[in-house]
Amino acid sequence: MGAYQVSDLILMDTDILIDAARQIREAVDYLAKVEHQSVLAVSVITHTHSITSHS
């Protein structure tokens, strides 16, 4: 993995991730826009919520 410079860290909300997984255009476009200029992150609570909501 090469080095790269990132301008921001973005804490993603579960709603955006779920919308992107459902191929909702606005969420997909937003993620495509920010993924190259920011580090995308989720909190432990968001990660746990995503796992438990699919069970």
PDB file of N, CA and C in Angstrom:
ATOM      1  N   MET A   1       0.855  -1.178   0.000  1.00  0.00           N
ATOM      2  CA  MET A   1       0.000   0.000   0.000  1.00  0.00           C
ATOM      3  C   MET A   1       0.894   1.231   0.000  1.00  0.00           C
ATOM      4  N   GLY A   2       0.649   2.142  -0.938  1.00  0.00           N
ATOM      5  CA  GLY A   2       1.458   3.344  -1.043  1.00  0.00           C
ATOM      6  C   GLY A   2       1.006   4.443  -0.106  1.00  0.00           C
ATOM      7  N   ALA A   3       1.850   5.432   0.040  1.00  0.00           N
ATOM      8  CA  ALA A   3       1.513   6.584   0.890  1.00  0.00           C
ATOM      9  C   ALA A   3       0.633   7.553   0.108  1.00  0.00           C
ATOM     10  N   TYR A   4      -0.233   8.223   0.810  1.00  0.00           N
ATOM     11  CA  TYR A   4      -1.084   9.220   0.188  1.00  0.00           C
ATOM     12  C   TYR A   4      -1.430  10.269   1.224  1.00  0.00           C
ATOM     13  N   GLN A   5      -1.790  11.449   0.765  1.00  0.00           N
ATOM     14  CA  GLN A   5      -2.141  12.538   1.662  1.00  0.00           C
ATOM     15  C   GLN A   5      -3.649  12.698   1.691  1.00  0.00           C
ATOM     16  N   VAL A   6      -4.161  12.879   2.890  1.00  0.00           N
ATOM     17  CA  VAL A   6      -5.600  13.006   3.078  1.00  0.00           C
ATOM     18  C   VAL A   6      -5.874  14.340   3.744  1.00  0.00           C
ATOM     19  N   SER A   7      -6.903  15.021   3.274  1.00  0.00           N
ATOM     20  CA  SER A   7      -7.208  16.329   3.833  1.00  0.00           C
ATOM     21  C   SER A   7      -8.105  16.262   5.062  1.00  0.00           C
ATOM     22  N   ASP A   8      -8.938  15.231   5.171  1.00  0.00           N
ATOM     23  CA  ASP A   8      -9.908  15.168   6.263  1.00  0.00           C
ATOM     24  C   ASP A   8     -10.159  13.728   6.692  1.00  0.00           C
ATOM     25  N   LEU A   9     -10.634  13.601   7.906  1.00  0.00           N
ATOM     26  CA  LEU A   9     -11.163  12.335   8.405  1.00  0.00           C
ATOM     27  C   LEU A   9     -12.670  12.529   8.510  1.00  0.00           C
ATOM     28  N   ILE A  10     -13.434  11.659   7.872  1.00  0.00           N
ATOM     29  CA  ILE A  10     -14.889  11.775   7.893  1.00  0.00           C
ATOM     30  C   ILE A  10     -15.460  10.587   8.635  1.00  0.00           C
ATOM     31  N   LEU A  11     -16.193  10.874   9.704  1.00  0.00           N
ATOM     32  CA  LEU A  11     -16.880   9.836  10.468  1.00  0.00           C
ATOM     33  C   LEU A  11     -18.231   9.610   9.803  1.00  0.00           C
ATOM     34  N   MET A  12     -18.391   8.436   9.209  1.00  0.00           N
ATOM     35  CA  MET A  12     -19.591   8.135   8.430  1.00  0.00           C
ATOM     36  C   MET A  12     -20.748   7.723   9.337  1.00  0.00           C
ATOM     37  N   ASP A  13     -21.919   8.194   8.982  1.00  0.00           N
ATOM     38  CA  ASP A  13     -23.133   7.807   9.679  1.00  0.00           C
ATOM     39  C   ASP A  13     -23.677   6.520   9.056  1.00  0.00           C
ATOM     40  N   THR A  14     -24.297   5.696   9.862  1.00  0.00           N
ATOM     41  CA  THR A  14     -24.871   4.435   9.390  1.00  0.00           C
ATOM     42  C   THR A  14     -25.842   4.664   8.239  1.00  0.00           C
ATOM     43  N   ASP A  15     -26.622   5.728   8.285  1.00  0.00           N
ATOM     44  CA  ASP A  15     -27.613   5.989   7.240  1.00  0.00           C
ATOM     45  C   ASP A  15     -26.973   6.120   5.857  1.00  0.00           C
ATOM     46  N   ILE A  16     -25.838   6.779   5.789  1.00  0.00           N
ATOM     47  CA  ILE A  16     -25.160   6.942   4.497  1.00  0.00           C
ATOM     48  C   ILE A  16     -24.660   5.591   3.995  1.00  0.00           C
ATOM     49  N   LEU A  17     -24.093   4.804   4.884  1.00  0.00           N
ATOM     50  CA  LEU A  17     -23.589   3.485   4.484  1.00  0.00           C
ATOM     51  C   LEU A  17     -24.711   2.566   4.025  1.00  0.00           C
ATOM     52  N   ILE A  18     -25.818   2.580   4.737  1.00  0.00           N
ATOM     53  CA  ILE A  18     -26.966   1.750   4.367  1.00  0.00           C
ATOM     54  C   ILE A  18     -27.536   2.214   3.028  1.00  0.00           C
ATOM     55  N   ASP A  19     -27.676   3.531   2.854  1.00  0.00           N
ATOM     56  CA  ASP A  19     -28.182   4.053   1.585  1.00  0.00           C
ATOM     57  C   ASP A  19     -27.258   3.688   0.423  1.00  0.00           C
ATOM     58  N   ALA A  20     -25.959   3.764   0.642  1.00  0.00           N
ATOM     59  CA  ALA A  20     -25.014   3.380  -0.413  1.00  0.00           C
ATOM     60  C   ALA A  20     -25.129   1.889  -0.731  1.00  0.00           C
ATOM     61  N   ALA A  21     -25.291   1.067   0.285  1.00  0.00           N
ATOM     62  CA  ALA A  21     -25.460  -0.372   0.066  1.00  0.00           C
ATOM     63  C   ALA A  21     -26.739  -0.662  -0.710  1.00  0.00           C
ATOM     64  N   ARG A  22     -27.733   0.183  -0.547  1.00  0.00           N
ATOM     65  CA  ARG A  22     -29.002   0.036  -1.282  1.00  0.00           C
ATOM     66  C   ARG A  22     -28.960   0.729  -2.641  1.00  0.00           C
ATOM     67  N   GLN A  23     -27.783   1.235  -3.001  1.00  0.00           N
ATOM     68  CA  GLN A  23     -27.556   1.896  -4.289  1.00  0.00           C
ATOM     69  C   GLN A  23     -28.400   3.160  -4.483  1.00  0.00           C
ATOM     70  N   ILE A  24     -28.626   3.884  -3.381  1.00  0.00           N
ATOM     71  CA  ILE A  24     -29.302   5.185  -3.481  1.00  0.00           C
ATOM     72  C   ILE A  24     -28.288   6.186  -4.034  1.00  0.00           C
ATOM     73  N   ARG A  25     -28.639   6.767  -5.136  1.00  0.00           N
ATOM     74  CA  ARG A  25     -27.706   7.560  -5.941  1.00  0.00           C
ATOM     75  C   ARG A  25     -26.962   8.633  -5.152  1.00  0.00           C
ATOM     76  N   GLU A  26     -27.660   9.391  -4.318  1.00  0.00           N
ATOM     77  CA  GLU A  26     -27.024  10.487  -3.577  1.00  0.00           C
ATOM     78  C   GLU A  26     -25.926   9.960  -2.648  1.00  0.00           C
ATOM     79  N   ALA A  27     -26.181   8.851  -1.970  1.00  0.00           N
ATOM     80  CA  ALA A  27     -25.192   8.282  -1.051  1.00  0.00           C
ATOM     81  C   ALA A  27     -24.002   7.718  -1.811  1.00  0.00           C
ATOM     82  N   VAL A  28     -24.264   7.031  -2.905  1.00  0.00           N
ATOM     83  CA  VAL A  28     -23.182   6.474  -3.733  1.00  0.00           C
ATOM     84  C   VAL A  28     -22.320   7.602  -4.290  1.00  0.00           C
ATOM     85  N   ASP A  29     -22.944   8.638  -4.799  1.00  0.00           N
ATOM     86  CA  ASP A  29     -22.204   9.779  -5.344  1.00  0.00           C
ATOM     87  C   ASP A  29     -21.371  10.466  -4.270  1.00  0.00           C
ATOM     88  N   TYR A  30     -21.941  10.626  -3.082  1.00  0.00           N
ATOM     89  CA  TYR A  30     -21.213  11.273  -1.992  1.00  0.00           C
ATOM     90  C   TYR A  30     -19.969  10.466  -1.614  1.00  0.00           C
ATOM     91  N   LEU A  31     -20.132   9.159  -1.454  1.00  0.00           N
ATOM     92  CA  LEU A  31     -18.990   8.316  -1.087  1.00  0.00           C
ATOM     93  C   LEU A  31     -17.925   8.325  -2.179  1.00  0.00           C
ATOM     94  N   ALA A  32     -18.346   8.289  -3.423  1.00  0.00           N
ATOM     95  CA  ALA A  32     -17.390   8.337  -4.529  1.00  0.00           C
ATOM     96  C   ALA A  32     -16.612   9.645  -4.528  1.00  0.00           C
ATOM     97  N   LYS A  33     -17.277  10.718  -4.162  1.00  0.00           N
ATOM     98  CA  LYS A  33     -16.641  12.039  -4.137  1.00  0.00           C
ATOM     99  C   LYS A  33     -15.604  12.151  -3.018  1.00  0.00           C
ATOM    100  N   VAL A  34     -15.941  11.688  -1.826  1.00  0.00           N
ATOM    101  CA  VAL A  34     -15.063  11.916  -0.675  1.00  0.00           C
ATOM    102  C   VAL A  34     -14.016  10.830  -0.445  1.00  0.00           C
ATOM    103  N   GLU A  35     -14.166   9.663  -1.067  1.00  0.00           N
ATOM    104  CA  GLU A  35     -13.258   8.566  -0.759  1.00  0.00           C
ATOM    105  C   GLU A  35     -11.820   8.823  -1.178  1.00  0.00           C
ATOM    106  N   HIS A  36     -11.601   9.679  -2.168  1.00  0.00           N
ATOM    107  CA  HIS A  36     -10.251   9.935  -2.648  1.00  0.00           C
ATOM    108  C   HIS A  36      -9.565  11.105  -1.946  1.00  0.00           C
ATOM    109  N   GLN A  37     -10.327  11.895  -1.217  1.00  0.00           N
ATOM    110  CA  GLN A  37      -9.734  13.060  -0.568  1.00  0.00           C
ATOM    111  C   GLN A  37      -9.829  13.004   0.949  1.00  0.00           C
ATOM    112  N   SER A  38     -10.447  11.956   1.485  1.00  0.00           N
ATOM    113  CA  SER A  38     -10.642  11.849   2.924  1.00  0.00           C
ATOM    114  C   SER A  38     -10.456  10.413   3.377  1.00  0.00           C
ATOM    115  N   VAL A  39     -10.190  10.262   4.661  1.00  0.00           N
ATOM    116  CA  VAL A  39     -10.196   8.940   5.270  1.00  0.00           C
ATOM    117  C   VAL A  39     -11.592   8.729   5.822  1.00  0.00           C
ATOM    118  N   LEU A  40     -12.253   7.670   5.381  1.00  0.00           N
ATOM    119  CA  LEU A  40     -13.601   7.373   5.852  1.00  0.00           C
ATOM    120  C   LEU A  40     -13.494   6.453   7.059  1.00  0.00           C
ATOM    121  N   ALA A  41     -14.260   6.754   8.092  1.00  0.00           N
ATOM    122  CA  ALA A  41     -14.212   5.978   9.321  1.00  0.00           C
ATOM    123  C   ALA A  41     -15.624   5.773   9.855  1.00  0.00           C
ATOM    124  N   VAL A  42     -15.793   4.740  10.652  1.00  0.00           N
ATOM    125  CA  VAL A  42     -17.037   4.523  11.369  1.00  0.00           C
ATOM    126  C   VAL A  42     -16.687   4.310  12.831  1.00  0.00           C
ATOM    127  N   SER A  43     -17.580   4.711  13.705  1.00  0.00           N
ATOM    128  CA  SER A  43     -17.339   4.508  15.129  1.00  0.00           C
ATOM    129  C   SER A  43     -17.619   3.057  15.490  1.00  0.00           C
ATOM    130  N   VAL A  44     -17.147   2.638  16.618  1.00  0.00           N
ATOM    131  CA  VAL A  44     -17.416   1.277  17.093  1.00  0.00           C
ATOM    132  C   VAL A  44     -18.915   1.087  17.263  1.00  0.00           C
ATOM    133  N   ILE A  45     -19.614   2.103  17.722  1.00  0.00           N
ATOM    134  CA  ILE A  45     -21.059   2.010  17.905  1.00  0.00           C
ATOM    135  C   ILE A  45     -21.742   1.839  16.554  1.00  0.00           C
ATOM    136  N   THR A  46     -21.334   2.594  15.548  1.00  0.00           N
ATOM    137  CA  THR A  46     -21.904   2.459  14.212  1.00  0.00           C
ATOM    138  C   THR A  46     -21.626   1.075  13.656  1.00  0.00           C
ATOM    139  N   HIS A  47     -20.401   0.607  13.816  1.00  0.00           N
ATOM    140  CA  HIS A  47     -20.030  -0.718  13.322  1.00  0.00           C
ATOM    141  C   HIS A  47     -20.873  -1.799  14.003  1.00  0.00           C
ATOM    142  N   THR A  48     -21.019  -1.714  15.301  1.00  0.00           N
ATOM    143  CA  THR A  48     -21.814  -2.684  16.053  1.00  0.00           C
ATOM    144  C   THR A  48     -23.273  -2.607  15.648  1.00  0.00           C
ATOM    145  N   HIS A  49     -23.802  -1.418  15.466  1.00  0.00           N
ATOM    146  CA  HIS A  49     -25.189  -1.251  15.038  1.00  0.00           C
ATOM    147  C   HIS A  49     -25.415  -1.900  13.676  1.00  0.00           C
ATOM    148  N   SER A  50     -24.479  -1.712  12.765  1.00  0.00           N
ATOM    149  CA  SER A  50     -24.614  -2.287  11.434  1.00  0.00           C
ATOM    150  C   SER A  50     -24.617  -3.811  11.480  1.00  0.00           C
ATOM    151  N   ILE A  51     -23.798  -4.378  12.323  1.00  0.00           N
ATOM    152  CA  ILE A  51     -23.728  -5.831  12.441  1.00  0.00           C
ATOM    153  C   ILE A  51     -24.996  -6.380  13.074  1.00  0.00           C
ATOM    154  N   THR A  52     -25.436  -5.778  14.170  1.00  0.00           N
ATOM    155  CA  THR A  52     -26.588  -6.310  14.890  1.00  0.00           C
ATOM    156  C   THR A  52     -27.910  -6.058  14.163  1.00  0.00           C
ATOM    157  N   SER A  53     -27.991  -5.029  13.354  1.00  0.00           N
ATOM    158  CA  SER A  53     -29.244  -4.744  12.652  1.00  0.00           C
ATOM    159  C   SER A  53     -29.482  -5.712  11.495  1.00  0.00           C
ATOM    160  N   HIS A  54     -28.458  -6.432  11.074  1.00  0.00           N
ATOM    161  CA  HIS A  54     -28.607  -7.408   9.985  1.00  0.00           C
ATOM    162  C   HIS A  54     -28.842  -8.817  10.502  1.00  0.00           C
ATOM    163  N   SER A  55     -28.886  -8.976  11.809  1.00  0.00           N
ATOM    164  CA  SER A  55     -29.071 -10.328  12.374  1.00  0.00           C
ATOM    165  C   SER A  55     -30.512 -10.716  12.444  1.00  0.00           C
TER     166      SER A  55
END
